[in-house]
């Protein structure tokens, strides 16, 4: 089934040469977009003194690293060969590698960042989700992965981000609440929220 779907994507790429440049670029470099989205959401949350948003944005980056580690733990024992190593007469639009195919590292990072940003900023989280699906599509389109590799990557990354979001973001938010009262305040907020809480206690 996975091989048949891969062949279908390969035939699609054969008939859409006009898209090769864009898909190749995004498949190789689109991961940078997810770093930009994390930074954007972090800066917006910091500007609005949204401590939860700051914490969730930080966790989005952490989730990507954790997801990559999980991917290594899962992928190494499975050691699935890349589709272009297992199948003949397929075209590949990116450089060939010899590492395992399942799960896709690009999809892991994309899924983790998208899942994490949904905790920080729903609007930008949705944008990240769309970008993650496009990344998964691009990795199959250029011939680097089976469809199952990228679906698993998105799913594993999202699960890591969501589970960590429920378990860790509340703790990180409390940490940001404390940091805003220290000299590190410029890194996490503008202090308006802390001042308002202090006034409320005094009142």
Protein backbone atom coordinates (compact mmCIF):
# COMPACT_ATOMS: atom_id res chain seq x y z
CA UNK A 1 0.00 0.00 0.00
CA UNK A 2 2.74 2.46 1.00
CA UNK A 3 4.73 1.55 -2.09
CA UNK A 4 1.71 2.03 -4.34
CA UNK A 5 1.04 5.47 -2.88
CA UNK A 6 4.69 6.38 -3.31
CA UNK A 7 4.49 5.37 -6.96
CA UNK A 8 1.38 7.54 -7.35
CA UNK A 9 3.24 10.57 -5.97
CA UNK A 10 6.16 9.76 -8.25
CA UNK A 11 3.87 9.76 -11.28
CA UNK A 12 2.31 13.02 -10.10
CA UNK A 13 5.76 14.61 -9.93
CA UNK A 14 6.46 13.32 -13.43
CA UNK A 15 3.50 15.30 -14.74
CA UNK A 16 4.16 18.50 -12.80
CA UNK A 17 7.66 19.54 -13.68
CA UNK A 18 6.65 23.19 -13.24
CA UNK A 19 6.46 22.57 -9.47
CA UNK A 20 9.80 20.83 -9.05
CA UNK A 21 11.78 23.90 -8.07
CA UNK A 22 9.33 25.05 -5.41
CA UNK A 23 8.80 21.58 -3.99
CA UNK A 24 12.52 20.85 -3.91
CA UNK A 25 13.24 24.13 -2.14
CA UNK A 26 10.51 23.63 0.44
CA UNK A 27 11.39 19.98 1.06
CA UNK A 28 15.02 20.95 1.70
CA UNK A 29 14.69 24.34 3.39
CA UNK A 30 11.10 24.69 4.55
CA UNK A 31 12.05 23.55 8.03
CA UNK A 32 13.44 27.06 8.53
CA UNK A 33 9.87 28.37 8.33
CA UNK A 34 9.00 26.50 11.51
CA UNK A 35 11.84 28.20 13.37
CA UNK A 36 10.58 31.54 12.10
CA UNK A 37 7.05 30.74 13.29
CA UNK A 38 8.32 29.84 16.76
CA UNK A 39 10.23 33.11 16.95
CA UNK A 40 7.27 35.12 15.67
CA UNK A 41 4.83 33.62 18.18
CA UNK A 42 7.35 34.05 20.99
CA UNK A 43 7.87 37.74 20.16
CA UNK A 44 4.13 38.37 19.88
CA UNK A 45 3.49 36.70 23.23
CA UNK A 46 6.34 38.62 24.85
CA UNK A 47 5.06 41.92 23.42
CA UNK A 48 1.58 41.28 24.84
CA UNK A 49 2.96 40.02 28.16
CA UNK A 50 1.32 36.67 27.48
CA UNK A 51 3.26 34.39 29.81
CA UNK A 52 1.42 31.28 28.70
CA UNK A 53 2.16 32.12 25.07
CA UNK A 54 5.86 32.63 25.81
CA UNK A 55 6.02 29.32 27.64
CA UNK A 56 4.17 27.46 24.88
CA UNK A 57 6.37 28.97 22.17
CA UNK A 58 9.50 27.87 24.04
CA UNK A 59 8.02 24.41 24.45
CA UNK A 60 7.35 24.25 20.69
CA UNK A 61 11.07 24.40 20.08
CA UNK A 62 11.70 21.88 22.84
CA UNK A 63 9.03 19.57 21.44
CA UNK A 64 10.82 19.48 18.10
CA UNK A 65 14.04 18.33 19.79
CA UNK A 66 12.21 15.72 21.87
CA UNK A 67 10.36 14.48 18.79
CA UNK A 68 13.65 14.05 16.92
CA UNK A 69 14.98 11.97 19.82
CA UNK A 70 11.82 9.86 19.83
CA UNK A 71 12.21 9.44 16.08
CA UNK A 72 15.73 8.11 16.53
CA UNK A 73 14.59 5.65 19.19
CA UNK A 74 11.79 4.41 16.92
CA UNK A 75 13.57 4.53 13.59
CA UNK A 76 16.90 2.93 14.45
CA UNK A 77 15.55 -0.52 15.34
CA UNK A 78 13.07 -0.49 12.44
CA UNK A 79 15.74 0.77 10.03
CA UNK A 80 13.42 1.11 7.06
CA UNK A 81 15.25 1.71 3.80
CA UNK A 82 14.53 4.80 1.75
CA UNK A 83 12.04 4.15 -1.06
CA UNK A 84 14.62 4.88 -3.76
CA UNK A 85 16.83 2.14 -2.28
CA UNK A 86 14.02 -0.41 -2.24
CA UNK A 87 12.29 0.45 -5.53
CA UNK A 88 13.54 0.72 -9.08
CA UNK A 89 12.83 3.33 -11.69
CA UNK A 90 11.82 6.13 -9.33
CA UNK A 91 12.98 9.70 -9.64
CA UNK A 92 14.29 11.67 -6.68
CA UNK A 93 14.47 15.47 -6.72
CA UNK A 94 16.76 15.85 -3.70
CA UNK A 95 20.12 14.44 -2.66
CA UNK A 96 19.92 10.78 -1.70
CA UNK A 97 20.84 9.80 1.86
CA UNK A 98 21.52 6.49 3.56
CA UNK A 99 19.77 7.09 6.88
CA UNK A 100 16.50 5.34 7.75
CA UNK A 101 13.25 6.44 6.17
CA UNK A 102 10.75 5.86 8.99
CA UNK A 103 9.76 8.23 10.51
CA UNK A 104 10.58 11.37 8.56
CA UNK A 105 12.67 13.82 10.62
CA UNK A 106 11.25 16.76 8.70
CA UNK A 107 7.70 15.64 9.43
CA UNK A 108 8.56 15.02 13.10
CA UNK A 109 9.79 18.59 13.53
CA UNK A 110 6.91 20.06 11.55
CA UNK A 111 4.31 18.11 13.53
CA UNK A 112 5.89 18.97 16.86
CA UNK A 113 6.15 22.69 16.15
CA UNK A 114 2.61 22.84 14.77
CA UNK A 115 1.20 20.99 17.77
CA UNK A 116 3.15 23.15 20.20
CA UNK A 117 2.16 26.44 18.61
CA UNK A 118 -1.52 25.55 18.92
CA UNK A 119 -1.01 25.99 22.67
CA UNK A 120 0.65 29.36 22.19
CA UNK A 121 -1.39 31.09 19.51
CA UNK A 122 -4.30 29.35 17.79
CA UNK A 123 -4.12 31.43 14.61
CA UNK A 124 -0.41 30.90 14.02
CA UNK A 125 -0.75 27.32 15.18
CA UNK A 126 -3.18 26.68 12.34
CA UNK A 127 -0.72 28.29 9.91
CA UNK A 128 1.96 25.93 11.24
CA UNK A 129 -0.39 22.96 10.79
CA UNK A 130 -0.93 23.84 7.13
CA UNK A 131 2.82 24.29 6.65
CA UNK A 132 3.41 20.90 8.32
CA UNK A 133 1.03 19.12 5.96
CA UNK A 134 2.72 20.81 3.01
CA UNK A 135 6.11 19.70 4.33
CA UNK A 136 4.89 16.10 4.57
CA UNK A 137 3.55 16.29 1.01
CA UNK A 138 6.78 17.81 -0.28
CA UNK A 139 8.97 15.11 1.26
CA UNK A 140 7.00 12.42 -0.57
CA UNK A 141 6.71 14.46 -3.78
CA UNK A 142 10.49 14.82 -4.08
CA UNK A 143 10.90 11.06 -3.55
CA UNK A 144 12.61 11.13 -0.15
CA UNK A 145 9.98 9.23 1.87
CA UNK A 146 7.04 6.87 1.71
CA UNK A 147 3.68 8.45 2.65
CA UNK A 148 3.64 6.35 5.81
CA UNK A 149 6.95 7.86 6.92
CA UNK A 150 5.63 11.40 6.87
CA UNK A 151 2.22 10.56 8.34
CA UNK A 152 3.95 8.80 11.23
CA UNK A 153 6.33 11.74 11.63
CA UNK A 154 3.50 14.26 11.82
CA UNK A 155 1.59 12.08 14.28
CA UNK A 156 4.54 11.35 16.57
CA UNK A 157 5.63 14.99 16.57
CA UNK A 158 2.13 16.24 17.33
CA UNK A 159 1.66 13.72 20.16
CA UNK A 160 4.95 14.74 21.76
CA UNK A 161 3.98 18.42 21.53
CA UNK A 162 0.44 17.95 22.83
CA UNK A 163 1.35 15.66 25.73
CA UNK A 164 4.20 17.97 26.70
CA UNK A 165 1.92 20.96 26.28
CA UNK A 166 -0.48 19.65 28.91
CA UNK A 167 2.27 18.45 31.24
CA UNK A 168 5.00 21.09 30.88
CA UNK A 169 3.49 24.36 29.66
CA UNK A 170 1.72 25.10 32.99
CA UNK A 171 5.06 24.65 34.78
CA UNK A 172 6.88 26.79 32.21
CA UNK A 173 4.19 29.47 32.54
CA UNK A 174 4.77 29.65 36.30
CA UNK A 175 8.50 29.89 35.60
CA UNK A 176 7.89 32.83 33.26
CA UNK A 177 5.72 34.44 35.97
CA UNK A 178 8.75 34.33 38.25
CA UNK A 179 11.30 35.40 35.66
CA UNK A 180 9.34 38.54 34.85
CA UNK A 181 10.17 39.78 38.36
CA UNK A 182 13.91 39.35 37.79
CA UNK A 183 16.50 41.11 35.63
CA UNK A 184 15.60 38.55 32.93
CA UNK A 185 12.22 40.21 32.47
CA UNK A 186 13.02 41.63 28.99
CA UNK A 187 13.37 38.06 27.71
CA UNK A 188 9.88 36.95 28.71
CA UNK A 189 7.60 39.98 28.95
CA UNK A 190 7.19 43.67 29.57
CA UNK A 191 6.13 43.42 33.21
CA UNK A 192 2.63 44.87 32.84
CA UNK A 193 0.99 41.65 33.95
CA UNK A 194 3.19 41.38 37.05
CA UNK A 195 2.47 45.00 37.93
CA UNK A 196 -1.26 44.46 37.54
CA UNK A 197 -1.16 41.40 39.79
CA UNK A 198 0.81 43.34 42.41
CA UNK A 199 -1.71 46.19 42.33
CA UNK A 200 -4.57 43.73 42.68
CA UNK A 201 -2.99 42.18 45.75
CA UNK A 202 -2.40 45.59 47.31
CA UNK A 203 -5.98 46.64 46.52
